[in-house]
């Protein structure tokens, strides 16, 4: 997924009137977990391209912060951080 695509997906979630704040946070956190898993896979395999993955994580973190979500996970604070 290219960075501008992630921006479009995030904007779609943030602007969806059918989703309340908690549903938006839940969707964004799921995307963040998937992105973190992709980053872990990329760090363990030369066959996975992670060029945009760090940017995706940054955009997701910003969106979650803007919603007032606590997006830090245990892996973000521990020794296993990427």
PDB file of N, CA and C in Angstrom:
ATOM      1  N   UNK A   1       0.852  -1.176   0.000  1.00  0.00           N
ATOM      2  CA  UNK A   1       0.000   0.000   0.000  1.00  0.00           C
ATOM      3  C   UNK A   1       0.898   1.239   0.000  1.00  0.00           C
ATOM      4  N   UNK A   2       0.654   2.147  -0.890  1.00  0.00           N
ATOM      5  CA  UNK A   2       1.449   3.368  -0.959  1.00  0.00           C
ATOM      6  C   UNK A   2       0.963   4.352   0.099  1.00  0.00           C
ATOM      7  N   UNK A   3       1.832   5.306   0.462  1.00  0.00           N
ATOM      8  CA  UNK A   3       1.512   6.238   1.540  1.00  0.00           C
ATOM      9  C   UNK A   3       0.237   7.021   1.267  1.00  0.00           C
ATOM     10  N   UNK A   4       0.054   7.488   0.018  1.00  0.00           N
ATOM     11  CA  UNK A   4      -1.167   8.256  -0.247  1.00  0.00           C
ATOM     12  C   UNK A   4      -2.403   7.371  -0.137  1.00  0.00           C
ATOM     13  N   UNK A   5      -2.261   6.062  -0.373  1.00  0.00           N
ATOM     14  CA  UNK A   5      -3.378   5.146  -0.183  1.00  0.00           C
ATOM     15  C   UNK A   5      -3.742   5.019   1.292  1.00  0.00           C
ATOM     16  N   UNK A   6      -2.748   4.938   2.145  1.00  0.00           N
ATOM     17  CA  UNK A   6      -3.021   4.835   3.581  1.00  0.00           C
ATOM     18  C   UNK A   6      -3.698   6.113   4.066  1.00  0.00           C
ATOM     19  N   UNK A   7      -3.288   7.250   3.521  1.00  0.00           N
ATOM     20  CA  UNK A   7      -3.941   8.516   3.872  1.00  0.00           C
ATOM     21  C   UNK A   7      -5.413   8.488   3.481  1.00  0.00           C
ATOM     22  N   UNK A   8      -5.717   7.924   2.325  1.00  0.00           N
ATOM     23  CA  UNK A   8      -7.095   7.832   1.851  1.00  0.00           C
ATOM     24  C   UNK A   8      -7.911   6.908   2.745  1.00  0.00           C
ATOM     25  N   UNK A   9      -7.325   5.774   3.118  1.00  0.00           N
ATOM     26  CA  UNK A   9      -8.010   4.823   3.995  1.00  0.00           C
ATOM     27  C   UNK A   9      -8.261   5.451   5.365  1.00  0.00           C
ATOM     28  N   UNK A  10      -7.246   6.093   5.918  1.00  0.00           N
ATOM     29  CA  UNK A  10      -7.397   6.742   7.227  1.00  0.00           C
ATOM     30  C   UNK A  10      -8.456   7.834   7.168  1.00  0.00           C
ATOM     31  N   UNK A  11      -8.403   8.666   6.138  1.00  0.00           N
ATOM     32  CA  UNK A  11      -9.390   9.743   6.001  1.00  0.00           C
ATOM     33  C   UNK A  11     -10.799   9.173   5.894  1.00  0.00           C
ATOM     34  N   UNK A  12     -10.931   8.068   5.165  1.00  0.00           N
ATOM     35  CA  UNK A  12     -12.247   7.437   5.033  1.00  0.00           C
ATOM     36  C   UNK A  12     -12.794   6.984   6.374  1.00  0.00           C
ATOM     37  N   UNK A  13     -11.924   6.437   7.209  1.00  0.00           N
ATOM     38  CA  UNK A  13     -12.341   6.007   8.544  1.00  0.00           C
ATOM     39  C   UNK A  13     -12.703   7.218   9.399  1.00  0.00           C
ATOM     40  N   UNK A  14     -11.833   8.228   9.400  1.00  0.00           N
ATOM     41  CA  UNK A  14     -12.066   9.406  10.233  1.00  0.00           C
ATOM     42  C   UNK A  14     -13.325  10.167   9.836  1.00  0.00           C
ATOM     43  N   UNK A  15     -13.648  10.151   8.565  1.00  0.00           N
ATOM     44  CA  UNK A  15     -14.784  10.926   8.063  1.00  0.00           C
ATOM     45  C   UNK A  15     -16.078  10.123   7.976  1.00  0.00           C
ATOM     46  N   UNK A  16     -16.038   8.850   8.334  1.00  0.00           N
ATOM     47  CA  UNK A  16     -17.219   7.991   8.235  1.00  0.00           C
ATOM     48  C   UNK A  16     -18.220   8.347   9.331  1.00  0.00           C
ATOM     49  N   UNK A  17     -19.366   8.921   8.944  1.00  0.00           N
ATOM     50  CA  UNK A  17     -20.352   9.321   9.953  1.00  0.00           C
ATOM     51  C   UNK A  17     -21.027   8.135  10.632  1.00  0.00           C
ATOM     52  N   UNK A  18     -20.918   6.956  10.048  1.00  0.00           N
ATOM     53  CA  UNK A  18     -21.532   5.763  10.636  1.00  0.00           C
ATOM     54  C   UNK A  18     -20.707   5.198  11.788  1.00  0.00           C
ATOM     55  N   UNK A  19     -19.460   5.653  11.913  1.00  0.00           N
ATOM     56  CA  UNK A  19     -18.582   5.154  12.967  1.00  0.00           C
ATOM     57  C   UNK A  19     -18.470   6.171  14.097  1.00  0.00           C
ATOM     58  N   UNK A  20     -18.649   5.704  15.319  1.00  0.00           N
ATOM     59  CA  UNK A  20     -18.392   6.592  16.450  1.00  0.00           C
ATOM     60  C   UNK A  20     -16.892   6.586  16.738  1.00  0.00           C
ATOM     61  N   UNK A  21     -16.481   7.417  17.671  1.00  0.00           N
ATOM     62  CA  UNK A  21     -15.056   7.575  17.980  1.00  0.00           C
ATOM     63  C   UNK A  21     -14.401   6.243  18.323  1.00  0.00           C
ATOM     64  N   UNK A  22     -15.053   5.443  19.161  1.00  0.00           N
ATOM     65  CA  UNK A  22     -14.448   4.176  19.574  1.00  0.00           C
ATOM     66  C   UNK A  22     -14.317   3.201  18.405  1.00  0.00           C
ATOM     67  N   UNK A  23     -15.262   3.197  17.493  1.00  0.00           N
ATOM     68  CA  UNK A  23     -15.177   2.319  16.320  1.00  0.00           C
ATOM     69  C   UNK A  23     -14.045   2.766  15.395  1.00  0.00           C
ATOM     70  N   UNK A  24     -13.866   4.074  15.268  1.00  0.00           N
ATOM     71  CA  UNK A  24     -12.761   4.602  14.458  1.00  0.00           C
ATOM     72  C   UNK A  24     -11.424   4.192  15.066  1.00  0.00           C
ATOM     73  N   UNK A  25     -11.314   4.344  16.388  1.00  0.00           N
ATOM     74  CA  UNK A  25     -10.085   3.968  17.083  1.00  0.00           C
ATOM     75  C   UNK A  25      -9.825   2.475  16.906  1.00  0.00           C
ATOM     76  N   UNK A  26     -10.856   1.669  17.044  1.00  0.00           N
ATOM     77  CA  UNK A  26     -10.700   0.224  16.907  1.00  0.00           C
ATOM     78  C   UNK A  26     -10.195  -0.147  15.506  1.00  0.00           C
ATOM     79  N   UNK A  27     -10.758   0.452  14.472  1.00  0.00           N
ATOM     80  CA  UNK A  27     -10.322   0.171  13.100  1.00  0.00           C
ATOM     81  C   UNK A  27      -8.873   0.606  12.882  1.00  0.00           C
ATOM     82  N   UNK A  28      -8.539   1.794  13.363  1.00  0.00           N
ATOM     83  CA  UNK A  28      -7.178   2.297  13.192  1.00  0.00           C
ATOM     84  C   UNK A  28      -6.176   1.463  13.985  1.00  0.00           C
ATOM     85  N   UNK A  29      -6.555   1.027  15.180  1.00  0.00           N
ATOM     86  CA  UNK A  29      -5.659   0.189  15.971  1.00  0.00           C
ATOM     87  C   UNK A  29      -5.432  -1.161  15.302  1.00  0.00           C
ATOM     88  N   UNK A  30      -6.449  -1.713  14.676  1.00  0.00           N
ATOM     89  CA  UNK A  30      -6.298  -2.972  13.938  1.00  0.00           C
ATOM     90  C   UNK A  30      -5.335  -2.774  12.770  1.00  0.00           C
ATOM     91  N   UNK A  31      -5.485  -1.672  12.050  1.00  0.00           N
ATOM     92  CA  UNK A  31      -4.571  -1.373  10.951  1.00  0.00           C
ATOM     93  C   UNK A  31      -3.150  -1.216  11.473  1.00  0.00           C
ATOM     94  N   UNK A  32      -3.010  -0.584  12.638  1.00  0.00           N
ATOM     95  CA  UNK A  32      -1.690  -0.388  13.236  1.00  0.00           C
ATOM     96  C   UNK A  32      -1.059  -1.721  13.620  1.00  0.00           C
ATOM     97  N   UNK A  33      -1.852  -2.613  14.196  1.00  0.00           N
ATOM     98  CA  UNK A  33      -1.345  -3.940  14.549  1.00  0.00           C
ATOM     99  C   UNK A  33      -0.878  -4.678  13.296  1.00  0.00           C
ATOM    100  N   UNK A  34      -1.655  -4.595  12.234  1.00  0.00           N
ATOM    101  CA  UNK A  34      -1.279  -5.245  10.978  1.00  0.00           C
ATOM    102  C   UNK A  34       0.013  -4.654  10.419  1.00  0.00           C
ATOM    103  N   UNK A  35       0.158  -3.342  10.528  1.00  0.00           N
ATOM    104  CA  UNK A  35       1.362  -2.676  10.038  1.00  0.00           C
ATOM    105  C   UNK A  35       2.572  -3.096  10.860  1.00  0.00           C
ATOM    106  N   UNK A  36       2.412  -3.175  12.172  1.00  0.00           N
ATOM    107  CA  UNK A  36       3.508  -3.635  13.038  1.00  0.00           C
ATOM    108  C   UNK A  36       3.912  -5.067  12.677  1.00  0.00           C
ATOM    109  N   UNK A  37       2.935  -5.921  12.412  1.00  0.00           N
ATOM    110  CA  UNK A  37       3.232  -7.302  12.029  1.00  0.00           C
ATOM    111  C   UNK A  37       4.002  -7.329  10.712  1.00  0.00           C
ATOM    112  N   UNK A  38       3.616  -6.464   9.797  1.00  0.00           N
ATOM    113  CA  UNK A  38       4.316  -6.367   8.516  1.00  0.00           C
ATOM    114  C   UNK A  38       5.753  -5.896   8.719  1.00  0.00           C
ATOM    115  N   UNK A  39       5.956  -4.956   9.630  1.00  0.00           N
ATOM    116  CA  UNK A  39       7.302  -4.476   9.928  1.00  0.00           C
ATOM    117  C   UNK A  39       8.158  -5.587  10.530  1.00  0.00           C
ATOM    118  N   UNK A  40       7.567  -6.366  11.445  1.00  0.00           N
ATOM    119  CA  UNK A  40       8.299  -7.483  12.034  1.00  0.00           C
ATOM    120  C   UNK A  40       8.689  -8.489  10.955  1.00  0.00           C
ATOM    121  N   UNK A  41       7.771  -8.795  10.067  1.00  0.00           N
ATOM    122  CA  UNK A  41       8.059  -9.740   8.984  1.00  0.00           C
ATOM    123  C   UNK A  41       9.176  -9.206   8.094  1.00  0.00           C
ATOM    124  N   UNK A  42       9.146  -7.921   7.825  1.00  0.00           N
ATOM    125  CA  UNK A  42      10.167  -7.317   6.967  1.00  0.00           C
ATOM    126  C   UNK A  42      11.534  -7.366   7.632  1.00  0.00           C
ATOM    127  N   UNK A  43      11.559  -7.224   8.947  1.00  0.00           N
ATOM    128  CA  UNK A  43      12.842  -7.246   9.643  1.00  0.00           C
ATOM    129  C   UNK A  43      13.416  -8.654   9.723  1.00  0.00           C
ATOM    130  N   UNK A  44      12.562  -9.648   9.545  1.00  0.00           N
ATOM    131  CA  UNK A  44      12.999 -11.037   9.649  1.00  0.00           C
ATOM    132  C   UNK A  44      13.227 -11.694   8.289  1.00  0.00           C
ATOM    133  N   UNK A  45      12.829 -11.042   7.221  1.00  0.00           N
ATOM    134  CA  UNK A  45      12.934 -11.655   5.895  1.00  0.00           C
ATOM    135  C   UNK A  45      13.362 -10.627   4.873  1.00  0.00           C
ATOM    136  N   UNK A  46      14.311 -11.007   4.053  1.00  0.00           N
ATOM    137  CA  UNK A  46      14.758 -10.112   2.979  1.00  0.00           C
ATOM    138  C   UNK A  46      13.762 -10.069   1.832  1.00  0.00           C
ATOM    139  N   UNK A  47      12.759 -10.938   1.866  1.00  0.00           N
ATOM    140  CA  UNK A  47      11.809 -11.018   0.757  1.00  0.00           C
ATOM    141  C   UNK A  47      10.627 -10.068   0.926  1.00  0.00           C
ATOM    142  N   UNK A  48      10.503  -9.412   2.054  1.00  0.00           N
ATOM    143  CA  UNK A  48       9.390  -8.500   2.297  1.00  0.00           C
ATOM    144  C   UNK A  48       9.882  -7.078   2.152  1.00  0.00           C
ATOM    145  N   UNK A  49       9.190  -6.291   1.340  1.00  0.00           N
ATOM    146  CA  UNK A  49       9.554  -4.892   1.109  1.00  0.00           C
ATOM    147  C   UNK A  49       8.797  -4.018   2.102  1.00  0.00           C
ATOM    148  N   UNK A  50       9.543  -3.283   2.943  1.00  0.00           N
ATOM    149  CA  UNK A  50       8.904  -2.451   3.965  1.00  0.00           C
ATOM    150  C   UNK A  50       9.173  -0.965   3.760  1.00  0.00           C
ATOM    151  N   UNK A  51       9.350  -0.551   2.524  1.00  0.00           N
ATOM    152  CA  UNK A  51       9.698   0.834   2.227  1.00  0.00           C
ATOM    153  C   UNK A  51       8.685   1.810   2.822  1.00  0.00           C
ATOM    154  N   UNK A  52       7.393   1.538   2.666  1.00  0.00           N
ATOM    155  CA  UNK A  52       6.358   2.461   3.132  1.00  0.00           C
ATOM    156  C   UNK A  52       5.811   2.127   4.515  1.00  0.00           C
ATOM    157  N   UNK A  53       6.183   1.010   5.063  1.00  0.00           N
ATOM    158  CA  UNK A  53       5.576   0.542   6.300  1.00  0.00           C
ATOM    159  C   UNK A  53       5.780   1.509   7.460  1.00  0.00           C
ATOM    160  N   UNK A  54       6.973   2.061   7.601  1.00  0.00           N
ATOM    161  CA  UNK A  54       7.225   3.027   8.663  1.00  0.00           C
ATOM    162  C   UNK A  54       6.385   4.282   8.504  1.00  0.00           C
ATOM    163  N   UNK A  55       6.205   4.723   7.256  1.00  0.00           N
ATOM    164  CA  UNK A  55       5.339   5.877   7.000  1.00  0.00           C
ATOM    165  C   UNK A  55       3.894   5.564   7.361  1.00  0.00           C
ATOM    166  N   UNK A  56       3.450   4.355   7.050  1.00  0.00           N
ATOM    167  CA  UNK A  56       2.078   3.956   7.381  1.00  0.00           C
ATOM    168  C   UNK A  56       1.870   4.015   8.891  1.00  0.00           C
ATOM    169  N   UNK A  57       2.839   3.485   9.622  1.00  0.00           N
ATOM    170  CA  UNK A  57       2.738   3.485  11.081  1.00  0.00           C
ATOM    171  C   UNK A  57       2.669   4.916  11.610  1.00  0.00           C
ATOM    172  N   UNK A  58       3.477   5.792  11.054  1.00  0.00           N
ATOM    173  CA  UNK A  58       3.475   7.196  11.475  1.00  0.00           C
ATOM    174  C   UNK A  58       2.102   7.838  11.230  1.00  0.00           C
ATOM    175  N   UNK A  59       1.527   7.597  10.059  1.00  0.00           N
ATOM    176  CA  UNK A  59       0.221   8.177   9.726  1.00  0.00           C
ATOM    177  C   UNK A  59      -0.868   7.612  10.645  1.00  0.00           C
ATOM    178  N   UNK A  60      -0.799   6.329  10.934  1.00  0.00           N
ATOM    179  CA  UNK A  60      -1.775   5.722  11.844  1.00  0.00           C
ATOM    180  C   UNK A  60      -1.621   6.283  13.256  1.00  0.00           C
ATOM    181  N   UNK A  61      -0.381   6.429  13.718  1.00  0.00           N
ATOM    182  CA  UNK A  61      -0.140   7.002  15.045  1.00  0.00           C
ATOM    183  C   UNK A  61      -0.706   8.417  15.147  1.00  0.00           C
ATOM    184  N   UNK A  62      -0.506   9.211  14.110  1.00  0.00           N
ATOM    185  CA  UNK A  62      -1.035  10.582  14.114  1.00  0.00           C
ATOM    186  C   UNK A  62      -2.556  10.596  14.165  1.00  0.00           C
ATOM    187  N   UNK A  63      -3.181   9.729  13.391  1.00  0.00           N
ATOM    188  CA  UNK A  63      -4.644   9.666  13.382  1.00  0.00           C
ATOM    189  C   UNK A  63      -5.177   9.232  14.742  1.00  0.00           C
ATOM    190  N   UNK A  64      -4.527   8.235  15.336  1.00  0.00           N
ATOM    191  CA  UNK A  64      -4.945   7.780  16.660  1.00  0.00           C
ATOM    192  C   UNK A  64      -4.744   8.863  17.709  1.00  0.00           C
ATOM    193  N   UNK A  65      -3.640   9.568  17.615  1.00  0.00           N
ATOM    194  CA  UNK A  65      -3.388  10.669  18.554  1.00  0.00           C
ATOM    195  C   UNK A  65      -4.463  11.743  18.414  1.00  0.00           C
ATOM    196  N   UNK A  66      -4.808  12.063  17.170  1.00  0.00           N
ATOM    197  CA  UNK A  66      -5.833  13.082  16.935  1.00  0.00           C
ATOM    198  C   UNK A  66      -7.189  12.685  17.516  1.00  0.00           C
ATOM    199  N   UNK A  67      -7.438  11.373  17.585  1.00  0.00           N
ATOM    200  CA  UNK A  67      -8.682  10.889  18.185  1.00  0.00           C
ATOM    201  C   UNK A  67      -8.576  10.778  19.699  1.00  0.00           C
ATOM    202  N   UNK A  68      -7.385  11.034  20.229  1.00  0.00           N
ATOM    203  CA  UNK A  68      -7.185  10.956  21.669  1.00  0.00           C
ATOM    204  C   UNK A  68      -7.008   9.540  22.167  1.00  0.00           C
ATOM    205  N   UNK A  69      -6.617   8.632  21.274  1.00  0.00           N
ATOM    206  CA  UNK A  69      -6.444   7.226  21.659  1.00  0.00           C
ATOM    207  C   UNK A  69      -5.060   7.005  22.246  1.00  0.00           C
ATOM    208  N   UNK A  70      -4.975   6.056  23.146  1.00  0.00           N
ATOM    209  CA  UNK A  70      -3.687   5.613  23.665  1.00  0.00           C
ATOM    210  C   UNK A  70      -3.239   4.482  22.760  1.00  0.00           C
ATOM    211  N   UNK A  71      -2.399   4.802  21.779  1.00  0.00           N
ATOM    212  CA  UNK A  71      -2.015   3.810  20.784  1.00  0.00           C
ATOM    213  C   UNK A  71      -0.722   3.085  21.117  1.00  0.00           C
ATOM    214  N   UNK A  72      -0.093   3.418  22.237  1.00  0.00           N
ATOM    215  CA  UNK A  72       1.134   2.718  22.619  1.00  0.00           C
ATOM    216  C   UNK A  72       0.807   1.293  23.019  1.00  0.00           C
ATOM    217  N   UNK A  73       1.603   0.387  22.546  1.00  0.00           N
ATOM    218  CA  UNK A  73       1.445  -1.005  22.950  1.00  0.00           C
ATOM    219  C   UNK A  73       2.669  -1.407  23.748  1.00  0.00           C
ATOM    220  N   UNK A  74       2.608  -2.538  24.384  1.00  0.00           N
ATOM    221  CA  UNK A  74       3.723  -3.026  25.187  1.00  0.00           C
ATOM    222  C   UNK A  74       4.969  -3.175  24.334  1.00  0.00           C
ATOM    223  N   UNK A  75       4.815  -3.575  23.082  1.00  0.00           N
ATOM    224  CA  UNK A  75       5.983  -3.763  22.224  1.00  0.00           C
ATOM    225  C   UNK A  75       6.623  -2.441  21.838  1.00  0.00           C
ATOM    226  N   UNK A  76       5.901  -1.342  21.906  1.00  0.00           N
ATOM    227  CA  UNK A  76       6.480  -0.044  21.597  1.00  0.00           C
ATOM    228  C   UNK A  76       7.389   0.442  22.700  1.00  0.00           C
ATOM    229  N   UNK A  77       7.224  -0.073  23.898  1.00  0.00           N
ATOM    230  CA  UNK A  77       8.012   0.381  25.028  1.00  0.00           C
ATOM    231  C   UNK A  77       9.070  -0.613  25.464  1.00  0.00           C
ATOM    232  N   UNK A  78       9.024  -1.828  24.928  1.00  0.00           N
ATOM    233  CA  UNK A  78       9.915  -2.876  25.385  1.00  0.00           C
ATOM    234  C   UNK A  78      11.160  -3.026  24.537  1.00  0.00           C
ATOM    235  N   UNK A  79      11.975  -3.975  24.917  1.00  0.00           N
ATOM    236  CA  UNK A  79      13.219  -4.239  24.224  1.00  0.00           C
ATOM    237  C   UNK A  79      13.005  -4.814  22.843  1.00  0.00           C
ATOM    238  N   UNK A  80      11.804  -5.333  22.558  1.00  0.00           N
ATOM    239  CA  UNK A  80      11.525  -5.951  21.266  1.00  0.00           C
ATOM    240  C   UNK A  80      11.094  -4.927  20.220  1.00  0.00           C
ATOM    241  N   UNK A  81      11.215  -3.654  20.518  1.00  0.00           N
ATOM    242  CA  UNK A  81      10.822  -2.605  19.592  1.00  0.00           C
ATOM    243  C   UNK A  81      11.645  -2.698  18.316  1.00  0.00           C
ATOM    244  N   UNK A  82      10.978  -2.468  17.203  1.00  0.00           N
ATOM    245  CA  UNK A  82      11.696  -2.495  15.918  1.00  0.00           C
ATOM    246  C   UNK A  82      12.564  -1.281  15.776  1.00  0.00           C
TER     247      UNK A  82
END
